[in-house]
Structure formats: C-alpha cells, structure tokens
Amino acid sequence: MKSLRLLLFLFTLPLLSFAQRQTLIVDENTTVRLRLARNLSWADARTGDRIPFEVLEDVTVKGKLVIERGAIALGTIADIEQDRSQSRGDRLGVTLDFVRLVDGEKIALHSLNGPPYFLLMNVKAKTLYAAGTECAAYTYGRADLDRGDFPSRP
C-alpha cells in the first residue's frame, strides 16, 4: 500500500510542476500606457459612447508578451452632468473598460486618479482631449493566464 502511494506521488509530481510552469500572473495595477485614438469633445459626446485608446508600449510579464503595442483599449462616456446653476460648468466623465490581451482575452483597466472617472472634462472651460493625448491606466484585479498562449520576449 505504501509503495502504491509513493508510486502515485512520483507519477503526479511532474504533472504538478508542469501546471505551475504554465500559469502566468498579471498582477493588479500593472501599468498600461495609453494614447487617445480620436478627439474627444463635448460637441459630439453621448452617454454610452465607446472611446478607443491605443496601447503605447508592450506589456510583458516574466518574459512573455501579454499586451502588445498598438492593441486597442476601450473606455465609455459614463456621465454627462449639466450644472443648472452654471457656477461649475457642465462635466463629461469617461471610465475605462478593458484592453485586449495577445491571446484575445480581455483584462479590465482602471485609473489611479480616483474613481469613478479616468478622464474628466470641464465643458465651461471648453476642454478638448485631442487624439494622441497620452495617459496611464492600470490593470484591475489579478489575472491568472495560460502561459502557453503568450509569445516569449527577449
């Protein structure tokens, strides 16, 4: 009986180490540098509109390419607030949604600027975010990925 247990243990040991090697972990708050892909102005903004961003730099984890430069990240116009008293001006808020990984999956993004908005536009000041505006975003939560789905980077 003891030898059977030992045999089973020895048989499963390589499988356990193989499974551990195959996991790739993207930690929470991994930095993703973004660039606004189109102009964002009050004139044509509507709640629910999708706002595209482009990833500026490859993101690698343990030598594996996880997010490729040029990948598309998406945000959403979440709030258009009109100030009735006109003391503060109207505001438009954009939240971040996700970015696509190399394997086609998505990972959620957020801002460290303070919730809930990633970009905040004061309309009274006629703020416009031009295409090409750069900003930093961060992965939301920890992601356990299959290491085999991602190419190696030197």
N, C-alpha and C. Protein backbone atom coordinates (compact mmCIF):
# COMPACT_ATOMS: atom_id res chain seq x y z
N MET A 1 0.83 -1.19 0.00
CA MET A 1 0.00 0.00 0.00
C MET A 1 0.87 1.25 0.00
N LYS A 2 1.95 1.22 0.83
CA LYS A 2 2.86 2.35 0.87
C LYS A 2 3.54 2.57 -0.47
N SER A 3 3.92 1.49 -1.10
CA SER A 3 4.60 1.62 -2.38
C SER A 3 3.64 2.15 -3.46
N LEU A 4 2.36 1.82 -3.36
CA LEU A 4 1.37 2.34 -4.31
C LEU A 4 1.22 3.85 -4.16
N ARG A 5 1.16 4.34 -2.90
CA ARG A 5 1.08 5.78 -2.65
C ARG A 5 2.32 6.50 -3.17
N LEU A 6 3.47 5.92 -2.92
CA LEU A 6 4.71 6.50 -3.39
C LEU A 6 4.74 6.55 -4.91
N LEU A 7 4.28 5.50 -5.54
CA LEU A 7 4.24 5.45 -6.98
C LEU A 7 3.30 6.52 -7.54
N LEU A 8 2.12 6.65 -6.94
CA LEU A 8 1.17 7.69 -7.37
C LEU A 8 1.76 9.09 -7.18
N PHE A 9 2.43 9.31 -6.06
CA PHE A 9 3.05 10.60 -5.79
C PHE A 9 4.11 10.91 -6.84
N LEU A 10 4.97 9.96 -7.12
CA LEU A 10 6.02 10.16 -8.11
C LEU A 10 5.46 10.37 -9.51
N PHE A 11 4.35 9.73 -9.81
CA PHE A 11 3.71 9.87 -11.11
C PHE A 11 3.10 11.27 -11.28
N THR A 12 2.49 11.81 -10.24
CA THR A 12 1.81 13.11 -10.33
C THR A 12 2.75 14.30 -10.14
N LEU A 13 3.92 14.10 -9.59
CA LEU A 13 4.87 15.19 -9.35
C LEU A 13 5.21 15.96 -10.63
N PRO A 14 5.57 15.30 -11.74
CA PRO A 14 5.85 16.06 -12.97
C PRO A 14 4.64 16.83 -13.47
N LEU A 15 3.45 16.30 -13.30
CA LEU A 15 2.24 16.99 -13.73
C LEU A 15 2.02 18.26 -12.92
N LEU A 16 2.28 18.22 -11.63
CA LEU A 16 2.12 19.40 -10.79
C LEU A 16 3.10 20.50 -11.19
N SER A 17 4.35 20.15 -11.40
CA SER A 17 5.33 21.16 -11.78
C SER A 17 5.02 21.71 -13.17
N PHE A 18 4.50 20.90 -14.08
CA PHE A 18 4.11 21.36 -15.41
C PHE A 18 2.97 22.37 -15.29
N ALA A 19 1.98 22.10 -14.46
CA ALA A 19 0.85 23.01 -14.28
C ALA A 19 1.31 24.34 -13.69
N GLN A 20 2.26 24.29 -12.75
CA GLN A 20 2.76 25.53 -12.16
C GLN A 20 3.52 26.35 -13.19
N ARG A 21 4.28 25.72 -14.05
CA ARG A 21 5.04 26.43 -15.07
C ARG A 21 4.12 27.09 -16.09
N GLN A 22 2.95 26.58 -16.29
CA GLN A 22 2.06 27.07 -17.33
C GLN A 22 1.24 28.29 -16.91
N THR A 23 1.26 28.68 -15.64
CA THR A 23 0.47 29.81 -15.18
C THR A 23 1.28 31.11 -15.28
N LEU A 24 0.68 32.13 -15.84
CA LEU A 24 1.28 33.44 -15.97
C LEU A 24 0.37 34.42 -15.23
N ILE A 25 0.93 35.13 -14.26
CA ILE A 25 0.11 36.00 -13.42
C ILE A 25 0.37 37.47 -13.77
N VAL A 26 -0.70 38.18 -14.12
CA VAL A 26 -0.64 39.62 -14.31
C VAL A 26 -1.14 40.23 -13.02
N ASP A 27 -0.25 40.89 -12.29
CA ASP A 27 -0.61 41.47 -11.00
C ASP A 27 -1.54 42.67 -11.16
N GLU A 28 -2.32 42.92 -10.13
CA GLU A 28 -3.18 44.10 -10.10
C GLU A 28 -2.29 45.35 -10.19
N ASN A 29 -2.79 46.37 -10.86
CA ASN A 29 -2.12 47.67 -11.03
C ASN A 29 -0.87 47.60 -11.90
N THR A 30 -0.83 46.63 -12.82
CA THR A 30 0.23 46.63 -13.83
C THR A 30 -0.03 47.81 -14.76
N THR A 31 0.99 48.62 -15.01
CA THR A 31 0.83 49.84 -15.81
C THR A 31 0.66 49.53 -17.28
N VAL A 32 -0.32 50.21 -17.90
CA VAL A 32 -0.56 50.13 -19.34
C VAL A 32 -0.61 51.57 -19.84
N ARG A 33 0.37 51.96 -20.65
CA ARG A 33 0.40 53.33 -21.19
C ARG A 33 -0.49 53.41 -22.42
N LEU A 34 -1.37 54.42 -22.43
CA LEU A 34 -2.37 54.56 -23.49
C LEU A 34 -2.27 55.91 -24.19
N ARG A 35 -2.84 55.95 -25.40
CA ARG A 35 -2.97 57.19 -26.16
C ARG A 35 -4.40 57.23 -26.69
N LEU A 36 -5.06 58.37 -26.52
CA LEU A 36 -6.42 58.56 -27.03
C LEU A 36 -6.39 58.44 -28.55
N ALA A 37 -7.24 57.58 -29.12
CA ALA A 37 -7.21 57.29 -30.55
C ALA A 37 -8.02 58.27 -31.39
N ARG A 38 -8.87 59.06 -30.76
CA ARG A 38 -9.65 60.06 -31.52
C ARG A 38 -9.90 61.27 -30.64
N ASN A 39 -10.28 62.37 -31.27
CA ASN A 39 -10.61 63.56 -30.50
C ASN A 39 -11.82 63.29 -29.62
N LEU A 40 -11.81 63.87 -28.44
CA LEU A 40 -12.94 63.74 -27.53
C LEU A 40 -13.41 65.15 -27.19
N SER A 41 -14.59 65.49 -27.66
CA SER A 41 -15.12 66.82 -27.41
C SER A 41 -16.56 66.73 -26.93
N TRP A 42 -16.97 67.75 -26.24
CA TRP A 42 -18.31 67.82 -25.71
C TRP A 42 -19.35 67.84 -26.82
N ALA A 43 -19.01 68.45 -27.94
CA ALA A 43 -19.98 68.68 -29.02
C ALA A 43 -20.60 67.39 -29.54
N ASP A 44 -19.83 66.30 -29.62
CA ASP A 44 -20.37 65.07 -30.20
C ASP A 44 -20.44 63.90 -29.22
N ALA A 45 -20.21 64.18 -27.94
CA ALA A 45 -20.21 63.11 -26.94
C ALA A 45 -21.62 62.76 -26.48
N ARG A 46 -21.86 61.47 -26.32
CA ARG A 46 -23.14 60.97 -25.81
C ARG A 46 -22.86 59.90 -24.76
N THR A 47 -23.66 59.85 -23.72
CA THR A 47 -23.51 58.82 -22.70
C THR A 47 -23.59 57.45 -23.36
N GLY A 48 -22.63 56.59 -23.01
CA GLY A 48 -22.58 55.24 -23.56
C GLY A 48 -21.66 55.10 -24.76
N ASP A 49 -21.21 56.22 -25.34
CA ASP A 49 -20.28 56.14 -26.47
C ASP A 49 -19.00 55.44 -26.05
N ARG A 50 -18.45 54.61 -26.94
CA ARG A 50 -17.18 53.93 -26.69
C ARG A 50 -16.05 54.86 -27.13
N ILE A 51 -15.01 54.93 -26.31
CA ILE A 51 -13.85 55.77 -26.60
C ILE A 51 -12.63 54.86 -26.78
N PRO A 52 -12.02 54.86 -27.97
CA PRO A 52 -10.87 53.98 -28.21
C PRO A 52 -9.55 54.61 -27.76
N PHE A 53 -8.69 53.77 -27.19
CA PHE A 53 -7.34 54.14 -26.81
C PHE A 53 -6.40 53.13 -27.48
N GLU A 54 -5.17 53.55 -27.72
CA GLU A 54 -4.16 52.66 -28.29
C GLU A 54 -3.06 52.45 -27.26
N VAL A 55 -2.61 51.21 -27.11
CA VAL A 55 -1.53 50.89 -26.17
C VAL A 55 -0.21 51.37 -26.78
N LEU A 56 0.58 52.11 -25.98
CA LEU A 56 1.82 52.72 -26.46
C LEU A 56 3.05 51.82 -26.35
N GLU A 57 3.06 50.92 -25.38
CA GLU A 57 4.23 50.07 -25.14
C GLU A 57 3.79 48.63 -24.88
N ASP A 58 4.63 47.69 -25.32
CA ASP A 58 4.38 46.29 -24.97
C ASP A 58 4.37 46.13 -23.45
N VAL A 59 3.50 45.26 -22.96
CA VAL A 59 3.49 44.90 -21.54
C VAL A 59 3.89 43.44 -21.46
N THR A 60 4.98 43.17 -20.73
CA THR A 60 5.46 41.80 -20.58
C THR A 60 5.43 41.39 -19.12
N VAL A 61 5.22 40.11 -18.91
CA VAL A 61 5.25 39.52 -17.58
C VAL A 61 6.11 38.27 -17.66
N LYS A 62 7.19 38.25 -16.89
CA LYS A 62 8.12 37.12 -16.87
C LYS A 62 8.56 36.71 -18.27
N GLY A 63 8.89 37.70 -19.09
CA GLY A 63 9.40 37.44 -20.42
C GLY A 63 8.36 37.07 -21.46
N LYS A 64 7.09 37.11 -21.11
CA LYS A 64 6.02 36.80 -22.05
C LYS A 64 5.26 38.07 -22.40
N LEU A 65 5.00 38.28 -23.70
CA LEU A 65 4.24 39.42 -24.18
C LEU A 65 2.76 39.21 -23.85
N VAL A 66 2.21 40.08 -23.01
CA VAL A 66 0.82 39.94 -22.57
C VAL A 66 -0.09 40.93 -23.30
N ILE A 67 0.35 42.19 -23.40
CA ILE A 67 -0.40 43.23 -24.11
C ILE A 67 0.55 43.83 -25.13
N GLU A 68 0.15 43.80 -26.39
CA GLU A 68 1.01 44.26 -27.47
C GLU A 68 0.82 45.74 -27.76
N ARG A 69 1.94 46.40 -28.08
CA ARG A 69 1.87 47.79 -28.51
C ARG A 69 0.93 47.88 -29.71
N GLY A 70 0.03 48.88 -29.69
CA GLY A 70 -0.94 49.03 -30.76
C GLY A 70 -2.28 48.38 -30.46
N ALA A 71 -2.36 47.57 -29.40
CA ALA A 71 -3.64 46.95 -29.02
C ALA A 71 -4.65 48.04 -28.68
N ILE A 72 -5.91 47.73 -28.81
CA ILE A 72 -6.97 48.69 -28.54
C ILE A 72 -7.53 48.47 -27.14
N ALA A 73 -7.62 49.57 -26.40
CA ALA A 73 -8.30 49.59 -25.10
C ALA A 73 -9.55 50.44 -25.29
N LEU A 74 -10.59 50.13 -24.54
CA LEU A 74 -11.84 50.88 -24.69
C LEU A 74 -12.27 51.51 -23.37
N GLY A 75 -12.82 52.71 -23.50
CA GLY A 75 -13.45 53.40 -22.39
C GLY A 75 -14.88 53.73 -22.79
N THR A 76 -15.64 54.26 -21.87
CA THR A 76 -17.04 54.60 -22.13
C THR A 76 -17.35 55.96 -21.52
N ILE A 77 -18.10 56.77 -22.27
CA ILE A 77 -18.59 58.01 -21.69
C ILE A 77 -19.69 57.61 -20.72
N ALA A 78 -19.40 57.80 -19.44
CA ALA A 78 -20.28 57.29 -18.40
C ALA A 78 -21.25 58.34 -17.87
N ASP A 79 -20.86 59.60 -17.98
CA ASP A 79 -21.70 60.61 -17.36
C ASP A 79 -21.54 61.94 -18.08
N ILE A 80 -22.65 62.55 -18.34
CA ILE A 80 -22.67 63.93 -18.83
C ILE A 80 -23.52 64.69 -17.84
N GLU A 81 -22.86 65.55 -17.08
CA GLU A 81 -23.53 66.25 -15.99
C GLU A 81 -23.69 67.72 -16.35
N GLN A 82 -24.92 68.18 -16.31
CA GLN A 82 -25.18 69.59 -16.58
C GLN A 82 -25.44 70.30 -15.26
N ASP A 83 -24.68 71.37 -15.05
CA ASP A 83 -24.82 72.17 -13.84
C ASP A 83 -25.87 73.25 -14.09
N ARG A 84 -27.00 73.11 -13.46
CA ARG A 84 -28.11 74.06 -13.67
C ARG A 84 -27.76 75.47 -13.19
N SER A 85 -26.92 75.57 -12.16
CA SER A 85 -26.62 76.90 -11.61
C SER A 85 -25.54 77.62 -12.41
N GLN A 86 -24.85 76.88 -13.30
CA GLN A 86 -23.78 77.43 -14.13
C GLN A 86 -22.58 77.94 -13.34
N SER A 87 -22.50 77.59 -12.06
CA SER A 87 -21.37 78.04 -11.27
C SER A 87 -20.13 77.19 -11.51
N ARG A 88 -20.34 75.93 -11.84
CA ARG A 88 -19.23 75.00 -12.00
C ARG A 88 -19.01 74.63 -13.46
N GLY A 89 -19.99 74.72 -14.26
CA GLY A 89 -19.89 74.29 -15.65
C GLY A 89 -20.30 72.84 -15.81
N ASP A 90 -20.63 72.48 -17.03
CA ASP A 90 -21.01 71.10 -17.32
C ASP A 90 -19.77 70.22 -17.32
N ARG A 91 -19.98 68.92 -17.02
CA ARG A 91 -18.85 67.98 -16.97
C ARG A 91 -19.19 66.72 -17.76
N LEU A 92 -18.13 66.10 -18.27
CA LEU A 92 -18.25 64.85 -19.01
C LEU A 92 -17.22 63.89 -18.43
N GLY A 93 -17.66 62.69 -18.06
CA GLY A 93 -16.75 61.72 -17.45
C GLY A 93 -16.58 60.47 -18.29
N VAL A 94 -15.34 60.00 -18.42
CA VAL A 94 -15.01 58.79 -19.18
C VAL A 94 -14.43 57.75 -18.24
N THR A 95 -14.97 56.54 -18.26
CA THR A 95 -14.41 55.43 -17.48
C THR A 95 -13.66 54.49 -18.41
N LEU A 96 -12.72 53.74 -17.86
CA LEU A 96 -12.00 52.73 -18.63
C LEU A 96 -12.72 51.40 -18.52
N ASP A 97 -12.67 50.62 -19.58
CA ASP A 97 -13.32 49.31 -19.57
C ASP A 97 -12.28 48.18 -19.59
N PHE A 98 -11.60 48.00 -20.71
CA PHE A 98 -10.69 46.86 -20.84
C PHE A 98 -9.69 47.09 -21.96
N VAL A 99 -8.69 46.20 -22.00
CA VAL A 99 -7.76 46.12 -23.12
C VAL A 99 -7.69 44.66 -23.53
N ARG A 100 -7.46 44.42 -24.81
CA ARG A 100 -7.33 43.04 -25.32
C ARG A 100 -5.91 42.54 -25.11
N LEU A 101 -5.82 41.31 -24.63
CA LEU A 101 -4.54 40.65 -24.46
C LEU A 101 -4.12 40.01 -25.78
N VAL A 102 -2.88 39.57 -25.86
CA VAL A 102 -2.35 38.92 -27.06
C VAL A 102 -3.18 37.69 -27.44
N ASP A 103 -3.70 36.97 -26.44
CA ASP A 103 -4.48 35.76 -26.71
C ASP A 103 -5.94 36.04 -27.05
N GLY A 104 -6.33 37.33 -27.12
CA GLY A 104 -7.70 37.70 -27.47
C GLY A 104 -8.62 37.93 -26.29
N GLU A 105 -8.20 37.51 -25.10
CA GLU A 105 -9.00 37.75 -23.89
C GLU A 105 -8.93 39.22 -23.51
N LYS A 106 -9.75 39.61 -22.55
CA LYS A 106 -9.77 40.99 -22.07
C LYS A 106 -9.29 41.06 -20.63
N ILE A 107 -8.71 42.19 -20.26
CA ILE A 107 -8.38 42.45 -18.87
C ILE A 107 -8.89 43.86 -18.55
N ALA A 108 -9.56 43.98 -17.40
CA ALA A 108 -10.16 45.26 -17.02
C ALA A 108 -9.09 46.27 -16.66
N LEU A 109 -9.40 47.54 -16.90
CA LEU A 109 -8.49 48.64 -16.59
C LEU A 109 -9.17 49.63 -15.66
N HIS A 110 -8.35 50.39 -14.95
CA HIS A 110 -8.87 51.47 -14.12
C HIS A 110 -7.82 52.56 -14.02
N SER A 111 -8.21 53.64 -13.38
CA SER A 111 -7.32 54.78 -13.18
C SER A 111 -6.96 54.89 -11.72
N LEU A 112 -5.78 55.41 -11.44
CA LEU A 112 -5.41 55.67 -10.05
C LEU A 112 -5.73 57.12 -9.68
N ASN A 113 -6.32 57.87 -10.61
CA ASN A 113 -6.64 59.28 -10.36
C ASN A 113 -7.78 59.46 -9.38
N GLY A 114 -8.45 58.41 -9.08
CA GLY A 114 -9.61 58.48 -8.20
C GLY A 114 -10.87 58.14 -8.96
N PRO A 115 -11.68 57.31 -8.37
CA PRO A 115 -12.89 56.87 -9.05
C PRO A 115 -13.87 58.02 -9.16
N PRO A 116 -14.82 57.95 -10.02
CA PRO A 116 -15.03 56.87 -10.98
C PRO A 116 -14.45 57.19 -12.35
N TYR A 117 -13.96 58.41 -12.58
CA TYR A 117 -13.62 58.79 -13.95
C TYR A 117 -12.14 58.72 -14.25
N PHE A 118 -11.85 58.32 -15.49
CA PHE A 118 -10.49 58.26 -15.99
C PHE A 118 -10.14 59.62 -16.60
N LEU A 119 -11.00 60.14 -17.43
CA LEU A 119 -10.86 61.48 -17.98
C LEU A 119 -12.07 62.28 -17.53
N LEU A 120 -11.85 63.52 -17.17
CA LEU A 120 -12.94 64.39 -16.74
C LEU A 120 -12.79 65.71 -17.48
N MET A 121 -13.84 66.12 -18.15
CA MET A 121 -13.79 67.30 -18.98
C MET A 121 -14.72 68.36 -18.41
N ASN A 122 -14.18 69.56 -18.18
CA ASN A 122 -14.99 70.70 -17.76
C ASN A 122 -15.39 71.45 -19.02
N VAL A 123 -16.67 71.41 -19.34
CA VAL A 123 -17.14 71.95 -20.61
C VAL A 123 -17.09 73.47 -20.62
N LYS A 124 -17.33 74.09 -19.49
CA LYS A 124 -17.30 75.55 -19.43
C LYS A 124 -15.93 76.08 -19.85
N ALA A 125 -14.88 75.35 -19.49
CA ALA A 125 -13.53 75.74 -19.86
C ALA A 125 -13.20 75.30 -21.29
N LYS A 126 -14.17 74.71 -22.00
CA LYS A 126 -14.02 74.24 -23.37
C LYS A 126 -12.84 73.27 -23.53
N THR A 127 -12.72 72.37 -22.58
CA THR A 127 -11.65 71.38 -22.62
C THR A 127 -11.89 70.41 -23.77
N LEU A 128 -10.83 70.09 -24.47
CA LEU A 128 -10.88 69.11 -25.53
C LEU A 128 -9.70 68.17 -25.35
N TYR A 129 -9.95 66.89 -25.35
CA TYR A 129 -8.86 65.93 -25.35
C TYR A 129 -8.60 65.55 -26.81
N ALA A 130 -7.43 65.92 -27.30
CA ALA A 130 -7.09 65.66 -28.69
C ALA A 130 -6.61 64.23 -28.87
N ALA A 131 -6.83 63.70 -30.06
CA ALA A 131 -6.27 62.39 -30.39
C ALA A 131 -4.77 62.47 -30.16
N GLY A 132 -4.19 61.45 -29.55
CA GLY A 132 -2.77 61.44 -29.25
C GLY A 132 -2.46 61.80 -27.81
N THR A 133 -3.47 62.25 -27.04
CA THR A 133 -3.26 62.55 -25.63
C THR A 133 -2.86 61.26 -24.91
N GLU A 134 -1.73 61.31 -24.19
CA GLU A 134 -1.20 60.12 -23.52
C GLU A 134 -1.62 60.09 -22.05
N CYS A 135 -1.80 58.88 -21.53
CA CYS A 135 -2.20 58.70 -20.14
C CYS A 135 -1.81 57.28 -19.70
N ALA A 136 -1.84 57.07 -18.41
CA ALA A 136 -1.52 55.74 -17.87
C ALA A 136 -2.79 55.11 -17.29
N ALA A 137 -2.93 53.82 -17.51
CA ALA A 137 -4.03 53.05 -16.93
C ALA A 137 -3.40 51.87 -16.21
N TYR A 138 -4.21 51.17 -15.42
CA TYR A 138 -3.70 50.07 -14.60
C TYR A 138 -4.66 48.90 -14.67
N THR A 139 -4.11 47.69 -14.67
CA THR A 139 -4.96 46.51 -14.70
C THR A 139 -5.76 46.42 -13.40
N TYR A 140 -6.98 45.98 -13.53
CA TYR A 140 -7.88 45.88 -12.39
C TYR A 140 -7.96 44.42 -11.97
N GLY A 141 -7.50 44.13 -10.78
CA GLY A 141 -7.51 42.75 -10.30
C GLY A 141 -6.34 41.97 -10.84
N ARG A 142 -6.19 40.78 -10.35
CA ARG A 142 -5.11 39.87 -10.75
C ARG A 142 -5.66 38.90 -11.79
N ALA A 143 -4.87 38.63 -12.81
CA ALA A 143 -5.30 37.70 -13.85
C ALA A 143 -4.33 36.52 -13.91
N ASP A 144 -4.86 35.31 -13.83
CA ASP A 144 -4.08 34.08 -13.99
C ASP A 144 -4.30 33.59 -15.41
N LEU A 145 -3.24 33.58 -16.20
CA LEU A 145 -3.35 33.27 -17.62
C LEU A 145 -2.58 32.00 -17.94
N ASP A 146 -2.93 31.39 -19.06
CA ASP A 146 -2.23 30.20 -19.55
C ASP A 146 -0.97 30.66 -20.27
N ARG A 147 0.17 30.38 -19.70
CA ARG A 147 1.46 30.85 -20.20
C ARG A 147 1.70 30.46 -21.66
N GLY A 148 1.19 29.32 -22.06
CA GLY A 148 1.40 28.83 -23.43
C GLY A 148 0.73 29.67 -24.50
N ASP A 149 -0.21 30.54 -24.12
CA ASP A 149 -0.93 31.37 -25.09
C ASP A 149 -0.19 32.66 -25.44
N PHE A 150 0.97 32.89 -24.82
CA PHE A 150 1.67 34.17 -24.99
C PHE A 150 3.08 33.95 -25.50
N PRO A 151 3.50 34.74 -26.51
CA PRO A 151 4.85 34.58 -27.06
C PRO A 151 5.92 35.11 -26.10
N SER A 152 7.11 34.54 -26.20
CA SER A 152 8.25 35.00 -25.38
C SER A 152 8.82 36.27 -25.96
N ARG A 153 9.33 37.11 -25.08
CA ARG A 153 10.05 38.33 -25.48
C ARG A 153 11.42 38.30 -24.84
N PRO A 154 12.46 38.67 -25.59
CA PRO A 154 13.81 38.66 -25.02
C PRO A 154 14.00 39.73 -23.95
